[in-house]
Amino acid sequence: MTWNTVTVERQGEIAIVGMAREKYLNAFDREMTEELAEVGRSFHSDHDTHAVILTGTGRAFSAGADLKEDRTQKATFAEQRERSHLGRHLCNAWEEMPQITIAAINGPAVGAGCAIALACDWRVMADDAYLYVPEVKIGLTLQWQAIPRLVALIGPARTKRIVMLCEKMDAQQALDWGLVEEVTPAGGALDKALELARVACAMPPVIMTMTKQAINATANANLHAASFMDADLSLFLIESDDAKNAFTDFREKGS
């Protein structure tokens, strides 16, 4: 099967999935969100693949949501709500994948790019990459159930700093805070992710899957209850004066 915005390469028991909107720094439009979710679900019944690596083509892991598409699309409220929940379905498709999943962060991982990386089991980050969650600055709330995943990884205080202050985080800080497992020299994230994947593939695959599911069930016990309305909140806020002013200011300043 082929996709317009996603690539899949196979190396034996390992699959490498690439976000492929390189011209747009792999920003998430509707098509890429849906295709990446389809790719994730395709592995749920794939018993020959034991590890899946997610990376970005070109200079970025992902620049986040395609803001132009989101703000100009004409739709009913029901259609907007359906669209706003696509990211949650995407992250769940990747988090529930039976294989070990590794995000190879080869450049900026912004907003939605951070969210999908958090849905993976492990994260490897190049030392010239950075994480950035600018949603509050844009006039949005952080969606895709990323907040409870962040809290599970680094606790509430650090989650508040990342989400509420919108600070860019370099690779070393991300490692120190426990957001990533490995930092590599520039250009080395994919190679290190492949190294980890090979180690994972050497383990008994069914036992690995069952262990992963047990850990996720414990870590994410309240995931849905804590954030089932995160997308709805942004829909209600988006027409507020605060949100409109924040978005305009963000677009004018560019960051």
Foldseek 3Di string as FASTA:
>chain_A
DDADQWDWDDDFQEIEIEGRPQVQLSADDLRSLVVLLVVLLVQQPPPRHAEYEYAYPDAFRYPYHPVVCLPPDDDDPVVNLVSLCSLLSNLCSNLLRLHQYEYLTQAEQEQSSLLNRLSGPAYEYEQHHKYWYCQVLLQAARASLSLLSVCLQQNDVVSCCRHVVRDIGGPVVCCVRRVHVYYHHRPCSVVVVVVVNVVSVVDDRVVSSVVSVVVCCVSCVCSCVVHVCRSVVRVVRCPDPSNVVSNVVCVVVVD
